[in-house]
Each structure stands twice: as C-alpha cells, then as structure tokens.
Amino acid sequence: MKKEIILILKYIFKSGKRMKQTYYYIEKNGRVFVDRDSEILTLPKTTESLGFNVEVQKPLLENRSAKVLFCTSDIEPRRHPDNWIFKDFILSMDNVNELLRKSIVKTYTRPVVHALIEKDGKILMVKAKRGFTEGFWNLPGGFIEFGENLEEAIKREVKEETGLDVKKMGLFNVYTNLFSGKESQQYYMICVIYRCDVEGHIKIQNKDEIDKINYFTPKEGFEKTKNEFVKMVLNDLCNDI
C-alpha cells in the first residue's frame, strides 16, 4: 500500500510539473526578431507562426522554465521592419523581457588575449584564484579592456599576473570557440595568442587573483588545464616544434 501511494504521488508530481517553453532567437545583420504583441518585447515561441522559415543551429541557453534556440533565416528584415531591432538598442530599452535580454548578452563574442612564454622547452602558466577561470591553469592573459589595442592588453595582463615585462611579441594564432567558465556557463570567445619574450622576475602581483605561477612542459600543461583555448595552443605548439 505504501509503495502504491509513493507511485501515485510521483505521478501527480510529474503531471503537475511545468513544461518548458521553447523560443527562437533569430538574428540577422545585428538585428534580432522580437515578438511585439504586448508592451514587453519577447522572443517568439516555437509554437507561433512566424510567416517565414527558420533553421535551428544550436541551443543558446536554458533555464528551469525556458529553452532558447539560436536560429538563422533567409528572411529580409524589411519584410517585418517593426519586429527587427538592433540588439544593442534592445539592451538599453526598459520594456524588454529578461529572457530576451539574457539571450542577447549570451550571443556577444568576448575578445581575450593570452601570452605564450617559453623557457627551456616549458610554458609559463598561472592558476587563477578568482574570476571567470577560477581554479584553472591558464596562459597569462585575460579580457581586452575598453580602448586597448591587442599589444597593450597583453603587456598589461602579463605584468599584472606575473610581474614580467613583455619586450617583444609576435602573433602565434587566433582561436574561436565556446568557453565554459567555473559555473558551466558557455560563452563564445575569440582568443588571440601572442608568443612573447619577457624580462624581469616572476612575482605574483595580486594574491587575490593569482594562486600559483609555474613552468610546465606542453604535455604537463595540457593535463593540468581545463581551458579549451590553452589545450588548442599547446596542441598546436607540439605540432610546431
């Protein structure tokens, strides 16, 4: 009898669970297609008739109540001018659904730079103590700040994280990929890698930001890092040797 009651309760619970609503995120030339049927701008539901075809490319984001699919379409924005809004404009508007806002933020490409510093066949790596890659072994580097060029960014990041001064640099490679941070949130990034010659003495500049600094062989570094960009760099480096 007790077992039957448990089964009935499980059935009631499952039946009462709210089904996830699925939405389309459709972007073309910097504009996003939005639903304007109410005062609040929202993403169109997959159950709605849009009047044009869409092609689902990949999942964009998902939470407990909703799932958003990144889509492409051959529709021209001039056919539905009121429904296509530049995504930069949407973020500054007040009448925007939170799911739409989060979806737009998710689509932005984050530019980062990293330094490939070599010594006696080993690679200099740092272990982050906080931030986007907390607990990860990485190449020295980080986000490009407003107004910086690539060279300025790499010099600043290397100095801030290791105390070393970059004296000479050359482009090693450029990578694009989805990156999973410490909270398993995925972001699309473009990562520019510079091969750097440095001078000075290694010293952690900010103990709240960097936990450890060490040189590793490419194989050791590959095994220690969780950063997919670093793995790609080390793999290419081994092929380059």
C-alpha atoms as a PDB file:
ATOM      1  CA  MET A   1       0.000   0.000   0.000  1.00  0.00           C
ATOM      2  CA  LYS A   2       2.799   2.382   0.927  1.00  0.00           C
ATOM      3  CA  LYS A   3       4.556   1.668  -2.375  1.00  0.00           C
ATOM      4  CA  GLU A   4       1.368   2.412  -4.326  1.00  0.00           C
ATOM      5  CA  ILE A   5       0.948   5.762  -2.553  1.00  0.00           C
ATOM      6  CA  ILE A   6       4.522   6.722  -3.428  1.00  0.00           C
ATOM      7  CA  LEU A   7       3.919   5.858  -7.096  1.00  0.00           C
ATOM      8  CA  ILE A   8       0.713   7.918  -7.128  1.00  0.00           C
ATOM      9  CA  LEU A   9       2.490  10.907  -5.577  1.00  0.00           C
ATOM     10  CA  LYS A  10       5.289  10.646  -8.149  1.00  0.00           C
ATOM     11  CA  TYR A  11       2.712  10.608 -10.957  1.00  0.00           C
ATOM     12  CA  ILE A  12       0.945  13.671  -9.545  1.00  0.00           C
ATOM     13  CA  PHE A  13       4.267  15.481  -9.208  1.00  0.00           C
ATOM     14  CA  LYS A  14       5.292  14.711 -12.779  1.00  0.00           C
ATOM     15  CA  SER A  15       1.882  15.660 -14.139  1.00  0.00           C
ATOM     16  CA  GLY A  16       1.991  18.962 -12.317  1.00  0.00           C
ATOM     17  CA  LYS A  17       5.457  19.882 -13.493  1.00  0.00           C
ATOM     18  CA  ARG A  18       5.539  22.912 -15.719  1.00  0.00           C
ATOM     19  CA  MET A  19       6.596  22.143 -19.263  1.00  0.00           C
ATOM     20  CA  LYS A  20       9.481  24.200 -20.612  1.00  0.00           C
ATOM     21  CA  GLN A  21       8.529  26.760 -23.220  1.00  0.00           C
ATOM     22  CA  THR A  22      10.858  26.866 -26.229  1.00  0.00           C
ATOM     23  CA  TYR A  23      11.735  30.106 -28.017  1.00  0.00           C
ATOM     24  CA  TYR A  24      13.527  31.138 -31.202  1.00  0.00           C
ATOM     25  CA  TYR A  25      16.435  33.575 -31.150  1.00  0.00           C
ATOM     26  CA  ILE A  26      16.739  34.851 -34.727  1.00  0.00           C
ATOM     27  CA  GLU A  27      19.484  37.338 -35.575  1.00  0.00           C
ATOM     28  CA  LYS A  28      20.426  38.887 -38.904  1.00  0.00           C
ATOM     29  CA  ASN A  29      22.925  41.687 -39.556  1.00  0.00           C
ATOM     30  CA  GLY A  30      22.952  42.716 -35.907  1.00  0.00           C
ATOM     31  CA  ARG A  31      19.151  42.803 -35.623  1.00  0.00           C
ATOM     32  CA  VAL A  32      17.019  40.441 -33.530  1.00  0.00           C
ATOM     33  CA  PHE A  33      13.485  39.357 -34.417  1.00  0.00           C
ATOM     34  CA  VAL A  34      11.192  40.106 -31.463  1.00  0.00           C
ATOM     35  CA  ASP A  35       7.558  39.498 -30.602  1.00  0.00           C
ATOM     36  CA  ARG A  36       5.766  42.840 -30.160  1.00  0.00           C
ATOM     37  CA  ASP A  37       2.269  41.560 -29.433  1.00  0.00           C
ATOM     38  CA  SER A  38       2.426  43.024 -25.932  1.00  0.00           C
ATOM     39  CA  GLU A  39       4.055  46.053 -24.328  1.00  0.00           C
ATOM     40  CA  ILE A  40       7.043  43.896 -23.371  1.00  0.00           C
ATOM     41  CA  LEU A  41       9.424  42.768 -26.105  1.00  0.00           C
ATOM     42  CA  THR A  42       9.888  38.994 -26.048  1.00  0.00           C
ATOM     43  CA  LEU A  43      11.359  36.194 -28.114  1.00  0.00           C
ATOM     44  CA  PRO A  44       8.942  34.387 -30.459  1.00  0.00           C
ATOM     45  CA  LYS A  45       7.749  30.983 -29.280  1.00  0.00           C
ATOM     46  CA  THR A  46       8.405  27.950 -31.444  1.00  0.00           C
ATOM     47  CA  THR A  47       4.662  27.275 -31.406  1.00  0.00           C
ATOM     48  CA  GLU A  48       3.944  30.596 -33.133  1.00  0.00           C
ATOM     49  CA  SER A  49       3.588  31.057 -36.885  1.00  0.00           C
ATOM     50  CA  LEU A  50       6.286  33.491 -37.999  1.00  0.00           C
ATOM     51  CA  GLY A  51       5.411  33.681 -41.670  1.00  0.00           C
ATOM     52  CA  PHE A  52       8.909  32.614 -42.725  1.00  0.00           C
ATOM     53  CA  ASN A  53      11.215  29.632 -42.315  1.00  0.00           C
ATOM     54  CA  VAL A  54      13.949  29.356 -39.703  1.00  0.00           C
ATOM     55  CA  GLU A  55      16.800  26.889 -39.366  1.00  0.00           C
ATOM     56  CA  VAL A  56      17.834  25.870 -35.861  1.00  0.00           C
ATOM     57  CA  GLN A  57      21.619  25.984 -35.467  1.00  0.00           C
ATOM     58  CA  LYS A  58      22.245  25.212 -31.794  1.00  0.00           C
ATOM     59  CA  PRO A  59      20.846  25.633 -28.261  1.00  0.00           C
ATOM     60  CA  LEU A  60      21.586  29.113 -26.931  1.00  0.00           C
ATOM     61  CA  LEU A  61      20.530  28.943 -23.286  1.00  0.00           C
ATOM     62  CA  GLU A  62      18.238  27.038 -20.963  1.00  0.00           C
ATOM     63  CA  ASN A  63      16.776  27.507 -17.500  1.00  0.00           C
ATOM     64  CA  ARG A  64      14.098  25.783 -15.427  1.00  0.00           C
ATOM     65  CA  SER A  65      11.180  27.149 -17.407  1.00  0.00           C
ATOM     66  CA  ALA A  66      12.506  28.019 -20.865  1.00  0.00           C
ATOM     67  CA  LYS A  67      14.809  26.930 -23.649  1.00  0.00           C
ATOM     68  CA  VAL A  68      16.148  29.223 -26.383  1.00  0.00           C
ATOM     69  CA  LEU A  69      17.320  28.014 -29.795  1.00  0.00           C
ATOM     70  CA  PHE A  70      19.733  30.048 -31.905  1.00  0.00           C
ATOM     71  CA  CYS A  71      18.362  30.168 -35.459  1.00  0.00           C
ATOM     72  CA  THR A  72      19.141  31.575 -38.875  1.00  0.00           C
ATOM     73  CA  SER A  73      16.748  32.621 -41.610  1.00  0.00           C
ATOM     74  CA  ASP A  74      16.889  33.921 -45.163  1.00  0.00           C
ATOM     75  CA  ILE A  75      14.127  36.434 -44.404  1.00  0.00           C
ATOM     76  CA  GLU A  76      14.997  40.076 -45.035  1.00  0.00           C
ATOM     77  CA  PRO A  77      14.321  42.459 -42.098  1.00  0.00           C
ATOM     78  CA  ARG A  78      12.488  44.873 -44.410  1.00  0.00           C
ATOM     79  CA  ARG A  79       9.610  42.361 -44.654  1.00  0.00           C
ATOM     80  CA  HIS A  80       8.844  42.778 -40.937  1.00  0.00           C
ATOM     81  CA  PRO A  81      10.523  46.099 -40.092  1.00  0.00           C
ATOM     82  CA  ASP A  82       8.809  46.595 -36.722  1.00  0.00           C
ATOM     83  CA  ASN A  83       9.924  43.186 -35.458  1.00  0.00           C
ATOM     84  CA  TRP A  84      13.637  43.586 -36.217  1.00  0.00           C
ATOM     85  CA  ILE A  85      15.564  45.714 -33.726  1.00  0.00           C
ATOM     86  CA  PHE A  86      19.313  46.216 -33.368  1.00  0.00           C
ATOM     87  CA  LYS A  87      20.344  44.126 -30.390  1.00  0.00           C
ATOM     88  CA  ASP A  88      22.479  46.938 -28.966  1.00  0.00           C
ATOM     89  CA  PHE A  89      19.344  49.109 -28.854  1.00  0.00           C
ATOM     90  CA  ILE A  90      17.317  46.381 -27.138  1.00  0.00           C
ATOM     91  CA  LEU A  91      19.726  46.208 -24.200  1.00  0.00           C
ATOM     92  CA  SER A  92      19.173  49.902 -23.489  1.00  0.00           C
ATOM     93  CA  MET A  93      15.365  49.621 -23.567  1.00  0.00           C
ATOM     94  CA  ASP A  94      13.174  49.206 -20.475  1.00  0.00           C
ATOM     95  CA  ASN A  95      10.306  47.159 -21.947  1.00  0.00           C
ATOM     96  CA  VAL A  96      12.366  44.019 -22.551  1.00  0.00           C
ATOM     97  CA  ASN A  97      11.698  40.505 -21.279  1.00  0.00           C
ATOM     98  CA  GLU A  98      14.589  39.192 -19.161  1.00  0.00           C
ATOM     99  CA  LEU A  99      14.956  36.044 -21.277  1.00  0.00           C
ATOM    100  CA  LEU A 100      15.411  38.167 -24.403  1.00  0.00           C
ATOM    101  CA  ARG A 101      17.976  40.323 -22.632  1.00  0.00           C
ATOM    102  CA  LYS A 102      19.965  37.301 -21.398  1.00  0.00           C
ATOM    103  CA  SER A 103      19.852  35.709 -24.850  1.00  0.00           C
ATOM    104  CA  ILE A 104      21.351  38.801 -26.455  1.00  0.00           C
ATOM    105  CA  VAL A 105      24.127  39.010 -23.854  1.00  0.00           C
ATOM    106  CA  LYS A 106      24.902  35.341 -24.497  1.00  0.00           C
ATOM    107  CA  THR A 107      25.489  35.972 -28.219  1.00  0.00           C
ATOM    108  CA  TYR A 108      28.199  38.594 -27.806  1.00  0.00           C
ATOM    109  CA  THR A 109      31.730  37.481 -28.652  1.00  0.00           C
ATOM    110  CA  ARG A 110      34.217  38.076 -25.828  1.00  0.00           C
ATOM    111  CA  PRO A 111      37.741  39.033 -27.015  1.00  0.00           C
ATOM    112  CA  VAL A 112      40.671  37.826 -24.910  1.00  0.00           C
ATOM    113  CA  VAL A 113      44.461  37.775 -25.280  1.00  0.00           C
ATOM    114  CA  HIS A 114      46.986  35.300 -23.877  1.00  0.00           C
ATOM    115  CA  ALA A 115      50.777  35.166 -23.793  1.00  0.00           C
ATOM    116  CA  LEU A 116      52.807  32.145 -24.821  1.00  0.00           C
ATOM    117  CA  ILE A 117      56.015  32.498 -22.789  1.00  0.00           C
ATOM    118  CA  GLU A 118      58.600  29.735 -23.277  1.00  0.00           C
ATOM    119  CA  LYS A 119      61.742  28.806 -21.381  1.00  0.00           C
ATOM    120  CA  ASP A 120      63.875  25.676 -21.780  1.00  0.00           C
ATOM    121  CA  GLY A 121      61.087  23.802 -23.534  1.00  0.00           C
ATOM    122  CA  LYS A 122      58.488  24.728 -20.913  1.00  0.00           C
ATOM    123  CA  ILE A 123      55.480  27.073 -20.906  1.00  0.00           C
ATOM    124  CA  LEU A 124      54.673  29.664 -18.245  1.00  0.00           C
ATOM    125  CA  MET A 125      51.213  29.134 -16.748  1.00  0.00           C
ATOM    126  CA  VAL A 126      49.216  30.798 -13.986  1.00  0.00           C
ATOM    127  CA  LYS A 127      46.463  29.394 -11.776  1.00  0.00           C
ATOM    128  CA  ALA A 128      43.531  31.760 -11.320  1.00  0.00           C
ATOM    129  CA  LYS A 129      42.228  32.295  -7.791  1.00  0.00           C
ATOM    130  CA  ARG A 130      39.057  34.130  -8.780  1.00  0.00           C
ATOM    131  CA  GLY A 131      37.153  35.417 -11.761  1.00  0.00           C
ATOM    132  CA  PHE A 132      35.975  33.786 -14.951  1.00  0.00           C
ATOM    133  CA  THR A 133      38.538  30.936 -14.850  1.00  0.00           C
ATOM    134  CA  GLU A 134      38.808  30.398 -11.101  1.00  0.00           C
ATOM    135  CA  GLY A 135      40.791  27.239 -10.331  1.00  0.00           C
ATOM    136  CA  PHE A 136      42.033  26.873 -13.922  1.00  0.00           C
ATOM    137  CA  TRP A 137      45.664  26.744 -15.040  1.00  0.00           C
ATOM    138  CA  ASN A 138      45.939  29.222 -17.921  1.00  0.00           C
ATOM    139  CA  LEU A 139      48.387  31.087 -20.052  1.00  0.00           C
ATOM    140  CA  PRO A 140      48.851  34.629 -18.688  1.00  0.00           C
ATOM    141  CA  GLY A 141      46.186  36.886 -20.167  1.00  0.00           C
ATOM    142  CA  GLY A 142      42.588  37.984 -19.978  1.00  0.00           C
ATOM    143  CA  PHE A 143      39.919  40.278 -21.355  1.00  0.00           C
ATOM    144  CA  ILE A 144      40.754  43.282 -23.506  1.00  0.00           C
ATOM    145  CA  GLU A 145      39.731  46.456 -21.703  1.00  0.00           C
ATOM    146  CA  PHE A 146      37.877  49.353 -23.294  1.00  0.00           C
ATOM    147  CA  GLY A 147      40.127  51.420 -25.557  1.00  0.00           C
ATOM    148  CA  GLU A 148      43.054  48.973 -25.525  1.00  0.00           C
ATOM    149  CA  ASN A 149      44.704  47.508 -28.580  1.00  0.00           C
ATOM    150  CA  LEU A 150      45.892  43.892 -28.525  1.00  0.00           C
ATOM    151  CA  GLU A 151      49.522  44.698 -27.721  1.00  0.00           C
ATOM    152  CA  GLU A 152      48.586  46.981 -24.829  1.00  0.00           C
ATOM    153  CA  ALA A 153      46.268  44.334 -23.418  1.00  0.00           C
ATOM    154  CA  ILE A 154      48.856  41.546 -23.496  1.00  0.00           C
ATOM    155  CA  LYS A 155      51.529  43.726 -21.864  1.00  0.00           C
ATOM    156  CA  ARG A 156      49.138  44.778 -19.103  1.00  0.00           C
ATOM    157  CA  GLU A 157      47.888  41.248 -18.401  1.00  0.00           C
ATOM    158  CA  VAL A 158      51.374  39.702 -18.263  1.00  0.00           C
ATOM    159  CA  LYS A 159      52.583  42.444 -15.922  1.00  0.00           C
ATOM    160  CA  GLU A 160      49.511  42.200 -13.671  1.00  0.00           C
ATOM    161  CA  GLU A 161      49.661  38.417 -13.364  1.00  0.00           C
ATOM    162  CA  THR A 162      53.388  37.604 -13.372  1.00  0.00           C
ATOM    163  CA  GLY A 163      55.339  40.826 -12.784  1.00  0.00           C
ATOM    164  CA  LEU A 164      57.188  40.277 -16.084  1.00  0.00           C
ATOM    165  CA  ASP A 165      57.634  42.904 -18.804  1.00  0.00           C
ATOM    166  CA  VAL A 166      56.900  41.964 -22.414  1.00  0.00           C
ATOM    167  CA  LYS A 167      59.711  43.230 -24.637  1.00  0.00           C
ATOM    168  CA  LYS A 168      58.886  41.508 -27.914  1.00  0.00           C
ATOM    169  CA  MET A 169      55.818  39.736 -29.234  1.00  0.00           C
ATOM    170  CA  GLY A 170      54.598  38.010 -32.365  1.00  0.00           C
ATOM    171  CA  LEU A 171      51.223  36.569 -33.300  1.00  0.00           C
ATOM    172  CA  PHE A 172      51.053  32.812 -32.685  1.00  0.00           C
ATOM    173  CA  ASN A 173      47.428  32.073 -33.611  1.00  0.00           C
ATOM    174  CA  VAL A 174      43.793  33.117 -33.244  1.00  0.00           C
ATOM    175  CA  TYR A 175      41.096  30.761 -31.943  1.00  0.00           C
ATOM    176  CA  THR A 176      37.320  30.932 -31.665  1.00  0.00           C
ATOM    177  CA  ASN A 177      35.308  28.557 -29.527  1.00  0.00           C
ATOM    178  CA  LEU A 178      32.652  28.190 -26.847  1.00  0.00           C
ATOM    179  CA  PHE A 179      34.235  28.525 -23.423  1.00  0.00           C
ATOM    180  CA  SER A 180      32.810  27.037 -20.227  1.00  0.00           C
ATOM    181  CA  GLY A 181      33.608  29.039 -17.110  1.00  0.00           C
ATOM    182  CA  LYS A 182      33.546  27.975 -13.472  1.00  0.00           C
ATOM    183  CA  GLU A 183      29.717  27.965 -13.328  1.00  0.00           C
ATOM    184  CA  SER A 184      29.414  25.909 -16.545  1.00  0.00           C
ATOM    185  CA  GLN A 185      28.088  28.948 -18.393  1.00  0.00           C
ATOM    186  CA  GLN A 186      29.209  28.878 -22.017  1.00  0.00           C
ATOM    187  CA  TYR A 187      30.327  31.992 -23.864  1.00  0.00           C
ATOM    188  CA  TYR A 188      31.588  32.428 -27.406  1.00  0.00           C
ATOM    189  CA  MET A 189      35.106  33.837 -27.389  1.00  0.00           C
ATOM    190  CA  ILE A 190      37.822  34.911 -29.757  1.00  0.00           C
ATOM    191  CA  CYS A 191      41.255  34.289 -28.276  1.00  0.00           C
ATOM    192  CA  VAL A 192      44.388  35.945 -29.679  1.00  0.00           C
ATOM    193  CA  ILE A 193      47.669  34.273 -28.697  1.00  0.00           C
ATOM    194  CA  TYR A 194      50.998  36.115 -28.785  1.00  0.00           C
ATOM    195  CA  ARG A 195      54.395  34.489 -28.469  1.00  0.00           C
ATOM    196  CA  CYS A 196      56.224  36.773 -26.047  1.00  0.00           C
ATOM    197  CA  ASP A 197      59.794  37.472 -24.997  1.00  0.00           C
ATOM    198  CA  VAL A 198      59.884  38.792 -21.442  1.00  0.00           C
ATOM    199  CA  GLU A 199      62.303  40.166 -18.892  1.00  0.00           C
ATOM    200  CA  GLY A 200      62.245  40.650 -15.144  1.00  0.00           C
ATOM    201  CA  HIS A 201      61.494  38.363 -12.231  1.00  0.00           C
ATOM    202  CA  ILE A 202      58.353  36.318 -11.715  1.00  0.00           C
ATOM    203  CA  LYS A 203      56.306  37.542  -8.783  1.00  0.00           C
ATOM    204  CA  ILE A 204      52.600  37.259  -8.032  1.00  0.00           C
ATOM    205  CA  GLN A 205      51.320  40.837  -8.110  1.00  0.00           C
ATOM    206  CA  ASN A 206      47.848  40.214  -6.724  1.00  0.00           C
ATOM    207  CA  LYS A 207      47.479  37.226  -4.402  1.00  0.00           C
ATOM    208  CA  ASP A 208      43.690  37.567  -4.520  1.00  0.00           C
ATOM    209  CA  GLU A 209      43.742  36.987  -8.283  1.00  0.00           C
ATOM    210  CA  ILE A 210      46.608  34.554  -8.951  1.00  0.00           C
ATOM    211  CA  ASP A 211      47.201  31.478  -6.805  1.00  0.00           C
ATOM    212  CA  LYS A 212      50.312  29.976  -8.411  1.00  0.00           C
ATOM    213  CA  ILE A 213      52.769  30.536 -11.276  1.00  0.00           C
ATOM    214  CA  ASN A 214      54.856  27.759 -12.767  1.00  0.00           C
ATOM    215  CA  TYR A 215      56.545  26.448 -15.901  1.00  0.00           C
ATOM    216  CA  PHE A 216      55.265  23.182 -17.383  1.00  0.00           C
ATOM    217  CA  THR A 217      56.100  21.093 -20.396  1.00  0.00           C
ATOM    218  CA  PRO A 218      53.355  21.250 -23.043  1.00  0.00           C
ATOM    219  CA  LYS A 219      52.252  17.737 -22.043  1.00  0.00           C
ATOM    220  CA  GLU A 220      52.074  18.656 -18.341  1.00  0.00           C
ATOM    221  CA  GLY A 221      50.210  21.862 -19.127  1.00  0.00           C
ATOM    222  CA  PHE A 222      47.716  20.014 -21.324  1.00  0.00           C
ATOM    223  CA  GLU A 223      46.938  17.614 -18.472  1.00  0.00           C
ATOM    224  CA  LYS A 224      46.569  20.370 -15.876  1.00  0.00           C
ATOM    225  CA  THR A 225      44.414  22.890 -17.733  1.00  0.00           C
ATOM    226  CA  LYS A 226      40.644  22.849 -18.180  1.00  0.00           C
ATOM    227  CA  ASN A 227      40.815  25.787 -20.576  1.00  0.00           C
ATOM    228  CA  GLU A 228      39.983  24.573 -24.092  1.00  0.00           C
ATOM    229  CA  PHE A 229      41.854  27.503 -25.646  1.00  0.00           C
ATOM    230  CA  VAL A 230      45.033  26.584 -23.769  1.00  0.00           C
ATOM    231  CA  LYS A 231      44.665  22.974 -24.909  1.00  0.00           C
ATOM    232  CA  MET A 232      44.425  24.122 -28.533  1.00  0.00           C
ATOM    233  CA  VAL A 233      47.519  26.306 -28.121  1.00  0.00           C
ATOM    234  CA  LEU A 234      49.578  23.523 -26.547  1.00  0.00           C
ATOM    235  CA  ASN A 235      48.447  21.052 -29.183  1.00  0.00           C
ATOM    236  CA  ASP A 236      49.482  23.435 -31.975  1.00  0.00           C
ATOM    237  CA  LEU A 237      52.731  24.174 -30.167  1.00  0.00           C
ATOM    238  CA  CYS A 238      53.638  20.477 -30.093  1.00  0.00           C
ATOM    239  CA  ASN A 239      52.929  20.241 -33.819  1.00  0.00           C
ATOM    240  CA  ASP A 240      55.041  23.350 -34.370  1.00  0.00           C
ATOM    241  CA  ILE A 241      58.107  22.017 -32.540  1.00  0.00           C
END
